[in-house]
Amino acid sequence: MHEVTVTTMAARPTAVVPAVTTWGEFPRVWKGLLDQVWAALHAAGITRGCPNVMLYLDNVPHVEIGVLYDGPPLAEPVVASELPAGRVASTVHRGPYSGLGAAHDAVKTWCARHGLATTGPRWEVYGPHHDDPARLEVEVCYLTE
């Protein structure tokens, strides 16, 4: 069961590679985008401390794949961006990534039951990697009206 909370969040700075893809292609695309961000971080001497993020701007989808980061600019194609500020409905998914869809469903269902419209942008912030899938955590967030 996913507990959903609503809070007002400030924008959080990111370093990302933006892309336009399809949902069918996305599973094959995201890792290459994230690898580009981590290559730029490593070139800047950064090897940890930047949680991975996936921002879905719409249903096309226009995506931004990268990390939470508030440092100096990184090498292209990485650009500075941010996770949206505003009223956010969120939950934390714990366990294997294969169950992440249930966390998204939980937030969307909760919002519908409580009369909150989601505005389109939604994102995931990944906790530290663990070899044990039971210890994985992902924050799932939806911007609401």
C-alpha atoms as a PDB file:
ATOM      1  CA  MET A   1       0.000   0.000   0.000  1.00  0.00           C
ATOM      2  CA  HIS A   2       1.310   3.425  -0.919  1.00  0.00           C
ATOM      3  CA  GLU A   3       0.579   6.336   1.426  1.00  0.00           C
ATOM      4  CA  VAL A   4      -0.011   9.534  -0.553  1.00  0.00           C
ATOM      5  CA  THR A   5       0.726  12.987   0.861  1.00  0.00           C
ATOM      6  CA  VAL A   6       0.198  16.470  -0.556  1.00  0.00           C
ATOM      7  CA  THR A   7       2.785  19.162   0.100  1.00  0.00           C
ATOM      8  CA  THR A   8       4.019  22.360  -1.452  1.00  0.00           C
ATOM      9  CA  MET A   9       7.486  21.812  -2.860  1.00  0.00           C
ATOM     10  CA  ALA A  10      10.113  24.280  -3.963  1.00  0.00           C
ATOM     11  CA  ALA A  11      11.749  23.733  -7.335  1.00  0.00           C
ATOM     12  CA  ARG A  12      14.755  21.418  -7.129  1.00  0.00           C
ATOM     13  CA  PRO A  13      17.688  22.005  -9.504  1.00  0.00           C
ATOM     14  CA  THR A  14      18.671  19.217 -11.859  1.00  0.00           C
ATOM     15  CA  ALA A  15      21.234  18.361 -14.521  1.00  0.00           C
ATOM     16  CA  VAL A  16      19.501  16.484 -17.320  1.00  0.00           C
ATOM     17  CA  VAL A  17      19.456  15.392 -20.920  1.00  0.00           C
ATOM     18  CA  PRO A  18      16.050  16.301 -22.385  1.00  0.00           C
ATOM     19  CA  ALA A  19      14.468  14.094 -25.033  1.00  0.00           C
ATOM     20  CA  VAL A  20      11.289  13.474 -26.951  1.00  0.00           C
ATOM     21  CA  THR A  21      10.453   9.795 -27.254  1.00  0.00           C
ATOM     22  CA  THR A  22       7.522   7.395 -27.234  1.00  0.00           C
ATOM     23  CA  TRP A  23       6.408   5.214 -24.358  1.00  0.00           C
ATOM     24  CA  GLY A  24       7.366   2.186 -26.441  1.00  0.00           C
ATOM     25  CA  GLU A  25      10.902   3.493 -26.954  1.00  0.00           C
ATOM     26  CA  PHE A  26      11.399   4.964 -23.482  1.00  0.00           C
ATOM     27  CA  PRO A  27      12.570   1.707 -21.805  1.00  0.00           C
ATOM     28  CA  ARG A  28      15.382   1.534 -24.390  1.00  0.00           C
ATOM     29  CA  VAL A  29      16.255   5.258 -24.249  1.00  0.00           C
ATOM     30  CA  TRP A  30      16.405   6.327 -20.598  1.00  0.00           C
ATOM     31  CA  LYS A  31      19.622   4.526 -19.607  1.00  0.00           C
ATOM     32  CA  GLY A  32      21.643   6.073 -22.432  1.00  0.00           C
ATOM     33  CA  LEU A  33      20.429   9.543 -21.413  1.00  0.00           C
ATOM     34  CA  LEU A  34      21.298   8.907 -17.773  1.00  0.00           C
ATOM     35  CA  ASP A  35      24.717   7.530 -18.763  1.00  0.00           C
ATOM     36  CA  GLN A  36      25.453  10.831 -20.554  1.00  0.00           C
ATOM     37  CA  VAL A  37      24.661  12.771 -17.375  1.00  0.00           C
ATOM     38  CA  TRP A  38      26.856  10.543 -15.234  1.00  0.00           C
ATOM     39  CA  ALA A  39      29.697  10.788 -17.776  1.00  0.00           C
ATOM     40  CA  ALA A  40      29.529  14.597 -17.469  1.00  0.00           C
ATOM     41  CA  LEU A  41      29.428  14.347 -13.661  1.00  0.00           C
ATOM     42  CA  HIS A  42      32.445  12.013 -13.633  1.00  0.00           C
ATOM     43  CA  ALA A  43      34.323  14.402 -15.971  1.00  0.00           C
ATOM     44  CA  ALA A  44      33.640  17.122 -13.375  1.00  0.00           C
ATOM     45  CA  GLY A  45      35.014  14.895 -10.590  1.00  0.00           C
ATOM     46  CA  ILE A  46      31.605  14.001  -9.112  1.00  0.00           C
ATOM     47  CA  THR A  47      31.003  10.318  -8.448  1.00  0.00           C
ATOM     48  CA  ARG A  48      28.083  10.312  -5.990  1.00  0.00           C
ATOM     49  CA  GLY A  49      25.584  12.389  -4.051  1.00  0.00           C
ATOM     50  CA  CYS A  50      23.307  13.171  -6.997  1.00  0.00           C
ATOM     51  CA  PRO A  51      20.075  11.125  -6.900  1.00  0.00           C
ATOM     52  CA  ASN A  52      18.766  10.076 -10.306  1.00  0.00           C
ATOM     53  CA  VAL A  53      15.581  11.754 -11.554  1.00  0.00           C
ATOM     54  CA  MET A  54      13.147  11.148 -14.373  1.00  0.00           C
ATOM     55  CA  LEU A  55      10.832  14.055 -15.196  1.00  0.00           C
ATOM     56  CA  TYR A  56       7.906  13.360 -17.512  1.00  0.00           C
ATOM     57  CA  LEU A  57       6.638  16.707 -18.794  1.00  0.00           C
ATOM     58  CA  ASP A  58       3.650  15.347 -20.719  1.00  0.00           C
ATOM     59  CA  ASN A  59       2.229  12.224 -22.348  1.00  0.00           C
ATOM     60  CA  VAL A  60       4.145  12.537 -25.648  1.00  0.00           C
ATOM     61  CA  PRO A  61       6.477  12.069 -23.691  1.00  0.00           C
ATOM     62  CA  HIS A  62       8.895  14.972 -23.423  1.00  0.00           C
ATOM     63  CA  VAL A  63      11.282  13.766 -20.717  1.00  0.00           C
ATOM     64  CA  GLU A  64      14.256  15.025 -18.765  1.00  0.00           C
ATOM     65  CA  ILE A  65      16.535  12.292 -17.467  1.00  0.00           C
ATOM     66  CA  GLY A  66      19.313  13.117 -15.043  1.00  0.00           C
ATOM     67  CA  VAL A  67      20.118  13.906 -11.432  1.00  0.00           C
ATOM     68  CA  LEU A  68      19.412  16.363  -8.642  1.00  0.00           C
ATOM     69  CA  TYR A  69      22.311  18.806  -8.991  1.00  0.00           C
ATOM     70  CA  ASP A  70      22.996  22.403  -8.028  1.00  0.00           C
ATOM     71  CA  GLY A  71      26.621  22.786  -9.118  1.00  0.00           C
ATOM     72  CA  PRO A  72      28.348  24.522 -11.995  1.00  0.00           C
ATOM     73  CA  PRO A  73      27.313  23.755 -15.586  1.00  0.00           C
ATOM     74  CA  LEU A  74      28.254  20.347 -16.941  1.00  0.00           C
ATOM     75  CA  ALA A  75      29.406  19.386 -20.439  1.00  0.00           C
ATOM     76  CA  GLU A  76      26.820  19.201 -23.219  1.00  0.00           C
ATOM     77  CA  PRO A  77      24.424  17.584 -23.916  1.00  0.00           C
ATOM     78  CA  VAL A  78      23.670  17.971 -20.195  1.00  0.00           C
ATOM     79  CA  VAL A  79      21.666  21.087 -19.335  1.00  0.00           C
ATOM     80  CA  ALA A  80      20.479  22.724 -16.133  1.00  0.00           C
ATOM     81  CA  SER A  81      16.788  22.340 -15.367  1.00  0.00           C
ATOM     82  CA  GLU A  82      14.598  21.798 -12.316  1.00  0.00           C
ATOM     83  CA  LEU A  83      11.836  19.684 -10.904  1.00  0.00           C
ATOM     84  CA  PRO A  84       8.665  21.800 -10.772  1.00  0.00           C
ATOM     85  CA  ALA A  85       7.624  23.847  -7.783  1.00  0.00           C
ATOM     86  CA  GLY A  86       4.065  23.788  -6.509  1.00  0.00           C
ATOM     87  CA  ARG A  87       1.481  21.596  -4.883  1.00  0.00           C
ATOM     88  CA  VAL A  88       2.596  18.001  -5.238  1.00  0.00           C
ATOM     89  CA  ALA A  89       0.928  14.675  -4.487  1.00  0.00           C
ATOM     90  CA  SER A  90       3.546  12.042  -3.777  1.00  0.00           C
ATOM     91  CA  THR A  91       4.298   8.615  -2.429  1.00  0.00           C
ATOM     92  CA  VAL A  92       7.409   6.546  -1.821  1.00  0.00           C
ATOM     93  CA  HIS A  93       7.715   3.221  -3.593  1.00  0.00           C
ATOM     94  CA  ARG A  94       9.792   0.675  -1.707  1.00  0.00           C
ATOM     95  CA  GLY A  95      10.942  -2.487  -3.413  1.00  0.00           C
ATOM     96  CA  PRO A  96      11.791  -3.673  -6.913  1.00  0.00           C
ATOM     97  CA  TYR A  97      11.423  -1.181  -9.751  1.00  0.00           C
ATOM     98  CA  SER A  98       8.990  -3.572 -11.428  1.00  0.00           C
ATOM     99  CA  GLY A  99       6.368  -2.392  -8.912  1.00  0.00           C
ATOM    100  CA  LEU A 100       6.859   1.302  -9.656  1.00  0.00           C
ATOM    101  CA  GLY A 101       3.717   1.464 -11.802  1.00  0.00           C
ATOM    102  CA  ALA A 102       1.612   0.695  -8.727  1.00  0.00           C
ATOM    103  CA  ALA A 103       3.016   3.809  -7.016  1.00  0.00           C
ATOM    104  CA  HIS A 104       2.001   5.958  -9.987  1.00  0.00           C
ATOM    105  CA  ASP A 105      -1.449   4.363  -9.978  1.00  0.00           C
ATOM    106  CA  ALA A 106      -1.787   4.999  -6.239  1.00  0.00           C
ATOM    107  CA  VAL A 107      -1.066   8.716  -6.620  1.00  0.00           C
ATOM    108  CA  LYS A 108      -3.419   9.116  -9.603  1.00  0.00           C
ATOM    109  CA  THR A 109      -6.207   7.192  -7.832  1.00  0.00           C
ATOM    110  CA  TRP A 110      -5.749   9.157  -4.605  1.00  0.00           C
ATOM    111  CA  CYS A 111      -5.874  12.465  -6.492  1.00  0.00           C
ATOM    112  CA  ALA A 112      -9.051  11.450  -8.335  1.00  0.00           C
ATOM    113  CA  ARG A 113     -10.738  10.395  -5.074  1.00  0.00           C
ATOM    114  CA  HIS A 114      -9.807  13.701  -3.427  1.00  0.00           C
ATOM    115  CA  GLY A 115     -10.765  15.937  -6.348  1.00  0.00           C
ATOM    116  CA  LEU A 116      -7.216  16.967  -7.235  1.00  0.00           C
ATOM    117  CA  ALA A 117      -6.372  17.355 -10.895  1.00  0.00           C
ATOM    118  CA  THR A 118      -2.863  16.434 -11.947  1.00  0.00           C
ATOM    119  CA  THR A 119      -1.360  19.022 -14.294  1.00  0.00           C
ATOM    120  CA  GLY A 120       0.822  16.798 -16.440  1.00  0.00           C
ATOM    121  CA  PRO A 121       4.359  17.017 -15.068  1.00  0.00           C
ATOM    122  CA  ARG A 122       5.320  14.086 -12.886  1.00  0.00           C
ATOM    123  CA  TRP A 123       8.640  12.739 -11.768  1.00  0.00           C
ATOM    124  CA  GLU A 124      10.580  10.114  -9.897  1.00  0.00           C
ATOM    125  CA  VAL A 125      13.525  10.685  -7.565  1.00  0.00           C
ATOM    126  CA  TYR A 126      15.541   7.548  -6.992  1.00  0.00           C
ATOM    127  CA  GLY A 127      17.076   6.727  -3.622  1.00  0.00           C
ATOM    128  CA  PRO A 128      20.523   5.208  -3.302  1.00  0.00           C
ATOM    129  CA  HIS A 129      21.053   2.055  -5.337  1.00  0.00           C
ATOM    130  CA  HIS A 130      21.033  -1.236  -3.462  1.00  0.00           C
ATOM    131  CA  ASP A 131      21.848  -4.681  -4.787  1.00  0.00           C
ATOM    132  CA  ASP A 132      18.925  -5.933  -2.682  1.00  0.00           C
ATOM    133  CA  PRO A 133      15.763  -4.906  -4.611  1.00  0.00           C
ATOM    134  CA  ALA A 134      13.749  -4.910  -1.370  1.00  0.00           C
ATOM    135  CA  ARG A 135      15.806  -1.901  -0.185  1.00  0.00           C
ATOM    136  CA  LEU A 136      15.184   0.297  -3.255  1.00  0.00           C
ATOM    137  CA  GLU A 137      13.185   3.527  -2.779  1.00  0.00           C
ATOM    138  CA  VAL A 138      11.698   5.898  -5.338  1.00  0.00           C
ATOM    139  CA  GLU A 139       9.770   9.085  -4.614  1.00  0.00           C
ATOM    140  CA  VAL A 140       6.904   9.410  -7.116  1.00  0.00           C
ATOM    141  CA  CYS A 141       5.482  12.940  -7.499  1.00  0.00           C
ATOM    142  CA  TYR A 142       2.644  14.557  -9.476  1.00  0.00           C
ATOM    143  CA  LEU A 143       2.154  18.291  -9.790  1.00  0.00           C
ATOM    144  CA  THR A 144      -1.485  19.117  -8.927  1.00  0.00           C
ATOM    145  CA  GLU A 145      -3.841  22.064  -9.310  1.00  0.00           C
END
